[in-house]
Amino acid sequence: MYRELGPRCESIDVRVADKKILFDIETGDWDTAGAESVGGIASSGAAHKVRKQVEILKEENNMLKLKVDVLLNLVAESIAELSPTKK
């Protein structure tokens, strides 16, 4: 690879997802051990937003489950009141 690119190309780096990976021209291998995160702060903020949204949705889901339970109880009471009672 060094023969093809020559001294004009000192390093090659590629960004995959939020990682920066370097290519070693002399050995012809990708250096993933030293991969540095280029979007760590942004992805951390995005992860925090997602966690917060998940928490909000869980609370909303619990509230909706409670409302369904209350409505089912009301329906059961109404059916019980309308049905003839045996004595």
Protein backbone atom coordinates (compact mmCIF):
# COMPACT_ATOMS: atom_id res chain seq x y z
CA MET A 1 0.00 0.00 0.00
CA TYR A 2 2.87 2.35 0.82
CA ARG A 3 4.28 1.78 -2.66
CA GLU A 4 0.98 2.78 -4.24
CA LEU A 5 0.28 5.85 -2.14
CA GLY A 6 3.84 6.98 -1.53
CA PRO A 7 5.02 9.57 0.99
CA ARG A 8 2.30 12.05 0.05
CA CYS A 9 -0.25 10.10 2.07
CA GLU A 10 0.80 9.94 5.71
CA SER A 11 -2.33 8.55 7.29
CA ILE A 12 -5.78 7.35 6.38
CA ASP A 13 -8.59 7.58 8.86
CA VAL A 14 -12.15 6.42 8.53
CA ARG A 15 -15.10 7.29 10.70
CA VAL A 16 -17.48 4.39 11.28
CA ALA A 17 -20.49 5.19 13.44
CA ASP A 18 -18.89 7.33 16.15
CA LYS A 19 -15.39 5.77 16.00
CA LYS A 20 -12.32 6.99 14.14
CA ILE A 21 -10.16 4.11 12.83
CA LEU A 22 -6.64 4.65 11.46
CA PHE A 23 -4.97 2.73 8.64
CA ASP A 24 -1.25 1.96 9.03
CA ILE A 25 0.20 2.34 5.53
CA GLU A 26 3.47 0.56 6.32
CA THR A 27 1.91 -2.64 7.67
CA GLY A 28 -1.30 -2.49 5.67
CA ASP A 29 -3.48 -3.02 8.74
CA TRP A 30 -6.29 -1.07 10.34
CA ASP A 31 -5.55 0.19 13.84
CA THR A 32 -8.74 -0.41 15.81
CA ALA A 33 -7.00 -0.57 19.20
CA GLY A 34 -6.53 3.18 19.23
CA ALA A 35 -9.96 3.94 17.84
CA GLU A 36 -11.14 7.14 19.39
CA SER A 37 -14.71 8.20 19.81
CA VAL A 38 -15.52 11.28 17.73
CA GLY A 39 -19.14 11.58 18.82
CA GLY A 40 -18.90 10.63 22.47
CA ILE A 41 -20.41 13.82 23.81
CA ALA A 42 -23.15 13.94 21.21
CA SER A 43 -24.04 10.28 21.61
CA SER A 44 -23.98 10.66 25.39
CA GLY A 45 -26.49 13.49 25.12
CA ALA A 46 -28.59 11.47 22.70
CA ALA A 47 -28.49 8.46 25.03
CA HIS A 48 -29.62 10.67 27.93
CA LYS A 49 -32.54 11.96 25.85
CA VAL A 50 -33.51 8.41 24.91
CA ARG A 51 -33.34 7.24 28.54
CA LYS A 52 -35.49 10.18 29.62
CA GLN A 53 -38.03 9.46 26.86
CA VAL A 54 -38.11 5.77 27.88
CA GLU A 55 -38.82 6.76 31.48
CA ILE A 56 -41.64 9.08 30.41
CA LEU A 57 -43.15 6.38 28.22
CA LYS A 58 -42.96 3.82 31.04
CA GLU A 59 -44.80 6.21 33.37
CA GLU A 60 -47.42 6.88 30.69
CA ASN A 61 -47.80 3.14 30.09
CA ASN A 62 -48.33 2.51 33.83
CA MET A 63 -50.96 5.25 33.94
CA LEU A 64 -52.79 3.77 30.95
CA LYS A 65 -52.73 0.30 32.54
CA LEU A 66 -54.25 1.79 35.69
CA LYS A 67 -56.99 3.52 33.67
CA VAL A 68 -57.81 0.27 31.86
CA ASP A 69 -58.04 -1.53 35.20
CA VAL A 70 -60.41 1.12 36.57
CA LEU A 71 -62.59 0.98 33.45
CA LEU A 72 -62.78 -2.83 33.62
CA ASN A 73 -63.88 -2.57 37.26
CA LEU A 74 -66.59 -0.06 36.29
CA VAL A 75 -67.81 -2.36 33.51
CA ALA A 76 -67.90 -5.31 35.92
CA GLU A 77 -69.90 -3.26 38.45
CA SER A 78 -72.36 -2.13 35.78
CA ILE A 79 -72.87 -5.69 34.58
CA ALA A 80 -73.35 -6.88 38.14
CA GLU A 81 -75.99 -4.19 38.78
CA LEU A 82 -77.90 -4.96 35.58
CA SER A 83 -77.95 -8.71 35.94
CA PRO A 84 -80.84 -10.22 37.90
CA THR A 85 -79.83 -11.33 41.35
CA LYS A 86 -80.82 -14.78 42.56
CA LYS A 87 -82.14 -15.07 46.08
